[in-house]
């Protein structure tokens, strides 16, 4: 698992892929449980993020451009869903 930071919230990604052209984009999967669902949902509603993957020396500002979930009812105790999320850079940074 790789560590991802979205707006200073640290998450563990199950899988991820990085693209760099024409803009940087990260596609990743989060394993979300009924216990973590509320906090993850509130975070994702922010839509625009400071994205950091420290192990990859990757950082950029981006928006959610694709999102899906394997299960929509996570209010039942013990439920688990895979959240697939793509975040695309909002603009190219001059120093990257």
PDB file of N, CA and C in Angstrom:
ATOM      1  N   UNK A   1       0.840  -1.190   0.000  1.00  0.00           N
ATOM      2  CA  UNK A   1       0.000   0.000   0.000  1.00  0.00           C
ATOM      3  C   UNK A   1       0.879   1.245   0.000  1.00  0.00           C
ATOM      4  N   UNK A   2       0.409   2.246  -0.691  1.00  0.00           N
ATOM      5  CA  UNK A   2       1.104   3.531  -0.735  1.00  0.00           C
ATOM      6  C   UNK A   2       0.306   4.561   0.044  1.00  0.00           C
ATOM      7  N   UNK A   3       1.044   5.507   0.614  1.00  0.00           N
ATOM      8  CA  UNK A   3       0.412   6.593   1.359  1.00  0.00           C
ATOM      9  C   UNK A   3       0.088   7.740   0.414  1.00  0.00           C
ATOM     10  N   UNK A   4      -1.119   8.266   0.561  1.00  0.00           N
ATOM     11  CA  UNK A   4      -1.617   9.399  -0.206  1.00  0.00           C
ATOM     12  C   UNK A   4      -2.074  10.454   0.787  1.00  0.00           C
ATOM     13  N   UNK A   5      -1.768  11.707   0.475  1.00  0.00           N
ATOM     14  CA  UNK A   5      -2.275  12.796   1.310  1.00  0.00           C
ATOM     15  C   UNK A   5      -3.173  13.671   0.446  1.00  0.00           C
ATOM     16  N   UNK A   6      -4.396  13.875   0.906  1.00  0.00           N
ATOM     17  CA  UNK A   6      -5.338  14.783   0.259  1.00  0.00           C
ATOM     18  C   UNK A   6      -5.670  15.873   1.272  1.00  0.00           C
ATOM     19  N   UNK A   7      -5.289  17.114   0.968  1.00  0.00           N
ATOM     20  CA  UNK A   7      -5.545  18.233   1.889  1.00  0.00           C
ATOM     21  C   UNK A   7      -5.159  17.891   3.319  1.00  0.00           C
ATOM     22  N   UNK A   8      -3.980  17.352   3.501  1.00  0.00           N
ATOM     23  CA  UNK A   8      -3.417  17.022   4.823  1.00  0.00           C
ATOM     24  C   UNK A   8      -4.096  15.853   5.524  1.00  0.00           C
ATOM     25  N   UNK A   9      -4.914  15.083   4.816  1.00  0.00           N
ATOM     26  CA  UNK A   9      -5.485  13.852   5.364  1.00  0.00           C
ATOM     27  C   UNK A   9      -4.725  12.684   4.744  1.00  0.00           C
ATOM     28  N   UNK A  10      -4.171  11.822   5.584  1.00  0.00           N
ATOM     29  CA  UNK A  10      -3.387  10.691   5.108  1.00  0.00           C
ATOM     30  C   UNK A  10      -4.280   9.482   4.905  1.00  0.00           C
ATOM     31  N   UNK A  11      -4.170   8.869   3.723  1.00  0.00           N
ATOM     32  CA  UNK A  11      -4.955   7.694   3.352  1.00  0.00           C
ATOM     33  C   UNK A  11      -4.018   6.621   2.822  1.00  0.00           C
ATOM     34  N   UNK A  12      -4.447   5.376   2.892  1.00  0.00           N
ATOM     35  CA  UNK A  12      -3.691   4.267   2.325  1.00  0.00           C
ATOM     36  C   UNK A  12      -4.401   3.805   1.056  1.00  0.00           C
ATOM     37  N   UNK A  13      -3.703   3.862  -0.076  1.00  0.00           N
ATOM     38  CA  UNK A  13      -4.270   3.435  -1.357  1.00  0.00           C
ATOM     39  C   UNK A  13      -4.041   1.940  -1.533  1.00  0.00           C
ATOM     40  N   UNK A  14      -5.057   1.237  -2.032  1.00  0.00           N
ATOM     41  CA  UNK A  14      -4.900  -0.178  -2.353  1.00  0.00           C
ATOM     42  C   UNK A  14      -4.176  -0.355  -3.676  1.00  0.00           C
ATOM     43  N   UNK A  15      -4.455   0.498  -4.626  1.00  0.00           N
ATOM     44  CA  UNK A  15      -3.832   0.443  -5.950  1.00  0.00           C
ATOM     45  C   UNK A  15      -3.821   1.861  -6.500  1.00  0.00           C
ATOM     46  N   UNK A  16      -2.820   2.161  -7.349  1.00  0.00           N
ATOM     47  CA  UNK A  16      -2.792   3.489  -7.947  1.00  0.00           C
ATOM     48  C   UNK A  16      -2.021   3.471  -9.255  1.00  0.00           C
ATOM     49  N   UNK A  17      -2.301   4.492 -10.073  1.00  0.00           N
ATOM     50  CA  UNK A  17      -1.615   4.679 -11.344  1.00  0.00           C
ATOM     51  C   UNK A  17      -1.434   6.180 -11.529  1.00  0.00           C
ATOM     52  N   UNK A  18      -0.272   6.582 -12.001  1.00  0.00           N
ATOM     53  CA  UNK A  18       0.022   7.993 -12.227  1.00  0.00           C
ATOM     54  C   UNK A  18       0.257   8.223 -13.708  1.00  0.00           C
ATOM     55  N   UNK A  19      -0.338   9.285 -14.234  1.00  0.00           N
ATOM     56  CA  UNK A  19      -0.083   9.736 -15.606  1.00  0.00           C
ATOM     57  C   UNK A  19       0.476  11.148 -15.520  1.00  0.00           C
ATOM     58  N   UNK A  20       1.251  11.544 -16.527  1.00  0.00           N
ATOM     59  CA  UNK A  20       1.838  12.879 -16.479  1.00  0.00           C
ATOM     60  C   UNK A  20       1.515  13.749 -17.687  1.00  0.00           C
ATOM     61  N   UNK A  21       0.885  13.197 -18.703  1.00  0.00           N
ATOM     62  CA  UNK A  21       0.577  13.978 -19.907  1.00  0.00           C
ATOM     63  C   UNK A  21      -0.896  13.891 -20.252  1.00  0.00           C
ATOM     64  N   UNK A  22      -1.553  14.943 -20.660  1.00  0.00           N
ATOM     65  CA  UNK A  22      -1.046  16.306 -20.775  1.00  0.00           C
ATOM     66  C   UNK A  22      -0.944  16.995 -19.411  1.00  0.00           C
ATOM     67  N   UNK A  23      -1.702  16.525 -18.426  1.00  0.00           N
ATOM     68  CA  UNK A  23      -1.592  17.011 -17.055  1.00  0.00           C
ATOM     69  C   UNK A  23      -1.389  15.805 -16.154  1.00  0.00           C
ATOM     70  N   UNK A  24      -0.830  16.053 -14.985  1.00  0.00           N
ATOM     71  CA  UNK A  24      -0.655  14.952 -14.043  1.00  0.00           C
ATOM     72  C   UNK A  24      -2.023  14.479 -13.553  1.00  0.00           C
ATOM     73  N   UNK A  25      -2.136  13.164 -13.424  1.00  0.00           N
ATOM     74  CA  UNK A  25      -3.383  12.561 -12.953  1.00  0.00           C
ATOM     75  C   UNK A  25      -3.023  11.325 -12.146  1.00  0.00           C
ATOM     76  N   UNK A  26      -3.758  11.131 -11.070  1.00  0.00           N
ATOM     77  CA  UNK A  26      -3.613   9.911 -10.298  1.00  0.00           C
ATOM     78  C   UNK A  26      -4.961   9.218 -10.243  1.00  0.00           C
ATOM     79  N   UNK A  27      -4.943   7.920 -10.489  1.00  0.00           N
ATOM     80  CA  UNK A  27      -6.128   7.075 -10.356  1.00  0.00           C
ATOM     81  C   UNK A  27      -5.803   6.087  -9.244  1.00  0.00           C
ATOM     82  N   UNK A  28      -6.706   5.952  -8.278  1.00  0.00           N
ATOM     83  CA  UNK A  28      -6.417   5.090  -7.144  1.00  0.00           C
ATOM     84  C   UNK A  28      -7.684   4.487  -6.560  1.00  0.00           C
ATOM     85  N   UNK A  29      -7.485   3.450  -5.767  1.00  0.00           N
ATOM     86  CA  UNK A  29      -8.581   2.771  -5.092  1.00  0.00           C
ATOM     87  C   UNK A  29      -8.364   2.855  -3.582  1.00  0.00           C
ATOM     88  N   UNK A  30      -9.434   3.202  -2.887  1.00  0.00           N
ATOM     89  CA  UNK A  30      -9.429   3.216  -1.424  1.00  0.00           C
ATOM     90  C   UNK A  30     -10.376   2.141  -0.932  1.00  0.00           C
ATOM     91  N   UNK A  31      -9.979   1.439   0.097  1.00  0.00           N
ATOM     92  CA  UNK A  31     -10.840   0.464   0.749  1.00  0.00           C
ATOM     93  C   UNK A  31     -11.568   1.220   1.865  1.00  0.00           C
ATOM     94  N   UNK A  32     -12.869   1.425   1.715  1.00  0.00           N
ATOM     95  CA  UNK A  32     -13.649   2.231   2.661  1.00  0.00           C
ATOM     96  C   UNK A  32     -14.608   1.330   3.420  1.00  0.00           C
ATOM     97  N   UNK A  33     -14.552   1.419   4.738  1.00  0.00           N
ATOM     98  CA  UNK A  33     -15.433   0.619   5.590  1.00  0.00           C
ATOM     99  C   UNK A  33     -16.601   1.461   6.069  1.00  0.00           C
ATOM    100  N   UNK A  34     -17.593   0.791   6.630  1.00  0.00           N
ATOM    101  CA  UNK A  34     -18.732   1.516   7.179  1.00  0.00           C
ATOM    102  C   UNK A  34     -18.278   2.484   8.268  1.00  0.00           C
ATOM    103  N   UNK A  35     -17.205   2.140   8.971  1.00  0.00           N
ATOM    104  CA  UNK A  35     -16.701   2.997  10.051  1.00  0.00           C
ATOM    105  C   UNK A  35     -15.973   4.237   9.523  1.00  0.00           C
ATOM    106  N   UNK A  36     -15.337   4.156   8.356  1.00  0.00           N
ATOM    107  CA  UNK A  36     -14.589   5.293   7.813  1.00  0.00           C
ATOM    108  C   UNK A  36     -15.361   6.064   6.742  1.00  0.00           C
ATOM    109  N   UNK A  37     -16.527   5.552   6.358  1.00  0.00           N
ATOM    110  CA  UNK A  37     -17.286   6.128   5.247  1.00  0.00           C
ATOM    111  C   UNK A  37     -17.576   7.618   5.422  1.00  0.00           C
ATOM    112  N   UNK A  38     -18.086   8.008   6.559  1.00  0.00           N
ATOM    113  CA  UNK A  38     -18.482   9.411   6.757  1.00  0.00           C
ATOM    114  C   UNK A  38     -17.293  10.349   6.558  1.00  0.00           C
ATOM    115  N   UNK A  39     -16.170  10.049   7.191  1.00  0.00           N
ATOM    116  CA  UNK A  39     -14.993  10.915   7.083  1.00  0.00           C
ATOM    117  C   UNK A  39     -14.472  10.982   5.649  1.00  0.00           C
ATOM    118  N   UNK A  40     -14.464   9.858   4.946  1.00  0.00           N
ATOM    119  CA  UNK A  40     -14.001   9.838   3.547  1.00  0.00           C
ATOM    120  C   UNK A  40     -14.962  10.630   2.663  1.00  0.00           C
ATOM    121  N   UNK A  41     -16.265  10.442   2.866  1.00  0.00           N
ATOM    122  CA  UNK A  41     -17.254  11.163   2.055  1.00  0.00           C
ATOM    123  C   UNK A  41     -17.131  12.670   2.252  1.00  0.00           C
ATOM    124  N   UNK A  42     -17.000  13.107   3.483  1.00  0.00           N
ATOM    125  CA  UNK A  42     -16.842  14.538   3.760  1.00  0.00           C
ATOM    126  C   UNK A  42     -15.583  15.074   3.074  1.00  0.00           C
ATOM    127  N   UNK A  43     -14.494  14.335   3.144  1.00  0.00           N
ATOM    128  CA  UNK A  43     -13.255  14.748   2.482  1.00  0.00           C
ATOM    129  C   UNK A  43     -13.458  14.862   0.976  1.00  0.00           C
ATOM    130  N   UNK A  44     -14.058  13.856   0.354  1.00  0.00           N
ATOM    131  CA  UNK A  44     -14.219  13.858  -1.103  1.00  0.00           C
ATOM    132  C   UNK A  44     -15.161  14.946  -1.594  1.00  0.00           C
ATOM    133  N   UNK A  45     -16.097  15.398  -0.761  1.00  0.00           N
ATOM    134  CA  UNK A  45     -16.976  16.496  -1.148  1.00  0.00           C
ATOM    135  C   UNK A  45     -16.215  17.796  -1.366  1.00  0.00           C
ATOM    136  N   UNK A  46     -14.982  17.877  -0.858  1.00  0.00           N
ATOM    137  CA  UNK A  46     -14.176  19.082  -1.086  1.00  0.00           C
ATOM    138  C   UNK A  46     -13.828  19.243  -2.565  1.00  0.00           C
ATOM    139  N   UNK A  47     -13.770  18.156  -3.316  1.00  0.00           N
ATOM    140  CA  UNK A  47     -13.557  18.095  -4.770  1.00  0.00           C
ATOM    141  C   UNK A  47     -12.195  18.550  -5.256  1.00  0.00           C
ATOM    142  N   UNK A  48     -11.614  19.596  -4.696  1.00  0.00           N
ATOM    143  CA  UNK A  48     -10.298  20.087  -5.104  1.00  0.00           C
ATOM    144  C   UNK A  48      -9.316  19.823  -3.968  1.00  0.00           C
ATOM    145  N   UNK A  49      -8.129  19.298  -4.335  1.00  0.00           N
ATOM    146  CA  UNK A  49      -7.196  18.823  -3.315  1.00  0.00           C
ATOM    147  C   UNK A  49      -5.757  19.218  -3.596  1.00  0.00           C
ATOM    148  N   UNK A  50      -5.000  19.338  -2.517  1.00  0.00           N
ATOM    149  CA  UNK A  50      -3.552  19.285  -2.586  1.00  0.00           C
ATOM    150  C   UNK A  50      -3.235  17.800  -2.499  1.00  0.00           C
ATOM    151  N   UNK A  51      -2.672  17.254  -3.563  1.00  0.00           N
ATOM    152  CA  UNK A  51      -2.390  15.828  -3.668  1.00  0.00           C
ATOM    153  C   UNK A  51      -0.900  15.598  -3.432  1.00  0.00           C
ATOM    154  N   UNK A  52      -0.579  14.657  -2.550  1.00  0.00           N
ATOM    155  CA  UNK A  52       0.814  14.301  -2.306  1.00  0.00           C
ATOM    156  C   UNK A  52       0.948  12.787  -2.187  1.00  0.00           C
ATOM    157  N   UNK A  53       1.939  12.249  -2.874  1.00  0.00           N
ATOM    158  CA  UNK A  53       2.345  10.856  -2.674  1.00  0.00           C
ATOM    159  C   UNK A  53       3.826  10.927  -2.315  1.00  0.00           C
ATOM    160  N   UNK A  54       4.117  10.974  -1.021  1.00  0.00           N
ATOM    161  CA  UNK A  54       5.504  11.184  -0.579  1.00  0.00           C
ATOM    162  C   UNK A  54       6.496  10.178  -1.159  1.00  0.00           C
ATOM    163  N   UNK A  55       6.141   8.898  -1.232  1.00  0.00           N
ATOM    164  CA  UNK A  55       7.062   7.879  -1.745  1.00  0.00           C
ATOM    165  C   UNK A  55       7.409   8.073  -3.218  1.00  0.00           C
ATOM    166  N   UNK A  56       6.573   8.785  -3.947  1.00  0.00           N
ATOM    167  CA  UNK A  56       6.781   9.020  -5.376  1.00  0.00           C
ATOM    168  C   UNK A  56       7.290  10.434  -5.655  1.00  0.00           C
ATOM    169  N   UNK A  57       7.496  11.232  -4.599  1.00  0.00           N
ATOM    170  CA  UNK A  57       7.888  12.645  -4.751  1.00  0.00           C
ATOM    171  C   UNK A  57       6.938  13.368  -5.697  1.00  0.00           C
ATOM    172  N   UNK A  58       5.648  13.113  -5.528  1.00  0.00           N
ATOM    173  CA  UNK A  58       4.624  13.694  -6.392  1.00  0.00           C
ATOM    174  C   UNK A  58       3.734  14.610  -5.574  1.00  0.00           C
ATOM    175  N   UNK A  59       3.510  15.811  -6.075  1.00  0.00           N
ATOM    176  CA  UNK A  59       2.611  16.761  -5.424  1.00  0.00           C
ATOM    177  C   UNK A  59       2.027  17.685  -6.482  1.00  0.00           C
ATOM    178  N   UNK A  60       0.714  17.896  -6.411  1.00  0.00           N
ATOM    179  CA  UNK A  60       0.049  18.829  -7.317  1.00  0.00           C
ATOM    180  C   UNK A  60      -1.320  19.197  -6.757  1.00  0.00           C
ATOM    181  N   UNK A  61      -1.935  20.214  -7.330  1.00  0.00           N
ATOM    182  CA  UNK A  61      -3.284  20.638  -6.975  1.00  0.00           C
ATOM    183  C   UNK A  61      -4.205  20.067  -8.049  1.00  0.00           C
ATOM    184  N   UNK A  62      -5.294  19.394  -7.632  1.00  0.00           N
ATOM    185  CA  UNK A  62      -6.158  18.777  -8.625  1.00  0.00           C
ATOM    186  C   UNK A  62      -7.600  18.651  -8.192  1.00  0.00           C
ATOM    187  N   UNK A  63      -8.440  18.320  -9.168  1.00  0.00           N
ATOM    188  CA  UNK A  63      -9.877  18.119  -8.962  1.00  0.00           C
ATOM    189  C   UNK A  63     -10.239  16.665  -9.231  1.00  0.00           C
ATOM    190  N   UNK A  64     -11.264  16.179  -8.554  1.00  0.00           N
ATOM    191  CA  UNK A  64     -11.803  14.857  -8.862  1.00  0.00           C
ATOM    192  C   UNK A  64     -12.422  14.923 -10.248  1.00  0.00           C
ATOM    193  N   UNK A  65     -11.994  14.037 -11.147  1.00  0.00           N
ATOM    194  CA  UNK A  65     -12.530  14.007 -12.506  1.00  0.00           C
ATOM    195  C   UNK A  65     -13.252  12.697 -12.809  1.00  0.00           C
ATOM    196  N   UNK A  66     -13.135  11.718 -11.912  1.00  0.00           N
ATOM    197  CA  UNK A  66     -13.859  10.453 -12.072  1.00  0.00           C
ATOM    198  C   UNK A  66     -13.951   9.800 -10.702  1.00  0.00           C
ATOM    199  N   UNK A  67     -15.099   9.162 -10.452  1.00  0.00           N
ATOM    200  CA  UNK A  67     -15.323   8.560  -9.140  1.00  0.00           C
ATOM    201  C   UNK A  67     -16.354   7.454  -9.284  1.00  0.00           C
ATOM    202  N   UNK A  68     -16.100   6.330  -8.640  1.00  0.00           N
ATOM    203  CA  UNK A  68     -17.108   5.272  -8.585  1.00  0.00           C
ATOM    204  C   UNK A  68     -16.890   4.472  -7.307  1.00  0.00           C
ATOM    205  N   UNK A  69     -17.911   3.720  -6.942  1.00  0.00           N
ATOM    206  CA  UNK A  69     -17.833   2.906  -5.739  1.00  0.00           C
ATOM    207  C   UNK A  69     -18.467   1.549  -6.008  1.00  0.00           C
ATOM    208  N   UNK A  70     -17.939   0.526  -5.365  1.00  0.00           N
ATOM    209  CA  UNK A  70     -18.454  -0.821  -5.590  1.00  0.00           C
ATOM    210  C   UNK A  70     -19.700  -1.110  -4.755  1.00  0.00           C
ATOM    211  N   UNK A  71     -19.975  -0.262  -3.763  1.00  0.00           N
ATOM    212  CA  UNK A  71     -21.116  -0.454  -2.876  1.00  0.00           C
ATOM    213  C   UNK A  71     -21.610   0.915  -2.449  1.00  0.00           C
ATOM    214  N   UNK A  72     -22.908   1.157  -2.527  1.00  0.00           N
ATOM    215  CA  UNK A  72     -23.419   2.484  -2.200  1.00  0.00           C
ATOM    216  C   UNK A  72     -23.966   2.595  -0.785  1.00  0.00           C
ATOM    217  N   UNK A  73     -24.292   1.484  -0.127  1.00  0.00           N
ATOM    218  CA  UNK A  73     -24.838   1.549   1.228  1.00  0.00           C
ATOM    219  C   UNK A  73     -23.786   1.087   2.228  1.00  0.00           C
ATOM    220  N   UNK A  74     -23.070   2.063   2.765  1.00  0.00           N
ATOM    221  CA  UNK A  74     -22.045   1.733   3.757  1.00  0.00           C
ATOM    222  C   UNK A  74     -22.512   2.044   5.180  1.00  0.00           C
ATOM    223  N   UNK A  75     -23.802   2.231   5.358  1.00  0.00           N
ATOM    224  CA  UNK A  75     -24.321   2.498   6.699  1.00  0.00           C
ATOM    225  C   UNK A  75     -24.520   1.219   7.499  1.00  0.00           C
ATOM    226  N   UNK A  76     -24.487   0.080   6.836  1.00  0.00           N
ATOM    227  CA  UNK A  76     -24.626  -1.197   7.521  1.00  0.00           C
ATOM    228  C   UNK A  76     -23.265  -1.594   8.105  1.00  0.00           C
ATOM    229  N   UNK A  77     -23.230  -1.868   9.400  1.00  0.00           N
ATOM    230  CA  UNK A  77     -21.980  -2.214  10.084  1.00  0.00           C
ATOM    231  C   UNK A  77     -21.288  -3.379   9.375  1.00  0.00           C
ATOM    232  N   UNK A  78     -19.976  -3.264   9.231  1.00  0.00           N
ATOM    233  CA  UNK A  78     -19.194  -4.319   8.597  1.00  0.00           C
ATOM    234  C   UNK A  78     -19.110  -4.232   7.087  1.00  0.00           C
ATOM    235  N   UNK A  79     -19.809  -3.279   6.475  1.00  0.00           N
ATOM    236  CA  UNK A  79     -19.769  -3.116   5.015  1.00  0.00           C
ATOM    237  C   UNK A  79     -18.430  -2.543   4.585  1.00  0.00           C
ATOM    238  N   UNK A  80     -17.971  -2.969   3.397  1.00  0.00           N
ATOM    239  CA  UNK A  80     -16.711  -2.487   2.832  1.00  0.00           C
ATOM    240  C   UNK A  80     -16.933  -2.202   1.352  1.00  0.00           C
ATOM    241  N   UNK A  81     -16.366  -1.102   0.870  1.00  0.00           N
ATOM    242  CA  UNK A  81     -16.499  -0.735  -0.539  1.00  0.00           C
ATOM    243  C   UNK A  81     -15.151  -0.285  -1.086  1.00  0.00           C
ATOM    244  N   UNK A  82     -14.939  -0.531  -2.368  1.00  0.00           N
ATOM    245  CA  UNK A  82     -13.774   0.005  -3.060  1.00  0.00           C
ATOM    246  C   UNK A  82     -14.190   1.299  -3.735  1.00  0.00           C
ATOM    247  N   UNK A  83     -13.549   2.391  -3.374  1.00  0.00           N
ATOM    248  CA  UNK A  83     -13.785   3.679  -4.004  1.00  0.00           C
ATOM    249  C   UNK A  83     -12.694   3.869  -5.046  1.00  0.00           C
ATOM    250  N   UNK A  84     -13.079   4.053  -6.306  1.00  0.00           N
ATOM    251  CA  UNK A  84     -12.147   4.348  -7.384  1.00  0.00           C
ATOM    252  C   UNK A  84     -12.226   5.847  -7.640  1.00  0.00           C
ATOM    253  N   UNK A  85     -11.087   6.517  -7.605  1.00  0.00           N
ATOM    254  CA  UNK A  85     -11.059   7.977  -7.719  1.00  0.00           C
ATOM    255  C   UNK A  85      -9.945   8.379  -8.676  1.00  0.00           C
ATOM    256  N   UNK A  86     -10.245   9.352  -9.541  1.00  0.00           N
ATOM    257  CA  UNK A  86      -9.229   9.971 -10.385  1.00  0.00           C
ATOM    258  C   UNK A  86      -9.187  11.453 -10.055  1.00  0.00           C
ATOM    259  N   UNK A  87      -7.985  11.955  -9.854  1.00  0.00           N
ATOM    260  CA  UNK A  87      -7.783  13.380  -9.603  1.00  0.00           C
ATOM    261  C   UNK A  87      -6.812  13.888 -10.653  1.00  0.00           C
ATOM    262  N   UNK A  88      -7.233  14.950 -11.370  1.00  0.00           N
ATOM    263  CA  UNK A  88      -6.433  15.521 -12.452  1.00  0.00           C
ATOM    264  C   UNK A  88      -5.960  16.910 -12.050  1.00  0.00           C
ATOM    265  N   UNK A  89      -4.712  17.192 -12.382  1.00  0.00           N
ATOM    266  CA  UNK A  89      -4.123  18.490 -12.055  1.00  0.00           C
ATOM    267  C   UNK A  89      -4.962  19.621 -12.633  1.00  0.00           C
ATOM    268  N   UNK A  90      -5.165  20.673 -11.837  1.00  0.00           N
ATOM    269  CA  UNK A  90      -5.973  21.796 -12.299  1.00  0.00           C
ATOM    270  C   UNK A  90      -5.190  22.726 -13.197  1.00  0.00           C
ATOM    271  N   UNK A  91      -3.874  22.792 -13.031  1.00  0.00           N
ATOM    272  CA  UNK A  91      -3.007  23.581 -13.904  1.00  0.00           C
ATOM    273  C   UNK A  91      -1.580  23.095 -13.737  1.00  0.00           C
ATOM    274  N   UNK A  92      -0.763  23.307 -14.727  1.00  0.00           N
ATOM    275  CA  UNK A  92       0.644  22.904 -14.649  1.00  0.00           C
ATOM    276  C   UNK A  92       1.370  23.908 -13.755  1.00  0.00           C
ATOM    277  N   UNK A  93       2.142  23.392 -12.814  1.00  0.00           N
ATOM    278  CA  UNK A  93       2.946  24.272 -11.972  1.00  0.00           C
ATOM    279  C   UNK A  93       4.187  24.698 -12.731  1.00  0.00           C
ATOM    280  N   UNK A  94       4.580  25.934 -12.568  1.00  0.00           N
ATOM    281  CA  UNK A  94       5.729  26.464 -13.298  1.00  0.00           C
ATOM    282  C   UNK A  94       7.036  25.779 -12.888  1.00  0.00           C
ATOM    283  N   UNK A  95       7.098  25.286 -11.646  1.00  0.00           N
ATOM    284  CA  UNK A  95       8.333  24.686 -11.170  1.00  0.00           C
ATOM    285  C   UNK A  95       8.377  23.166 -11.277  1.00  0.00           C
ATOM    286  N   UNK A  96       7.429  22.540 -11.979  1.00  0.00           N
ATOM    287  CA  UNK A  96       7.464  21.077 -12.071  1.00  0.00           C
ATOM    288  C   UNK A  96       7.728  20.590 -13.459  1.00  0.00           C
TER     289      UNK A  96
END
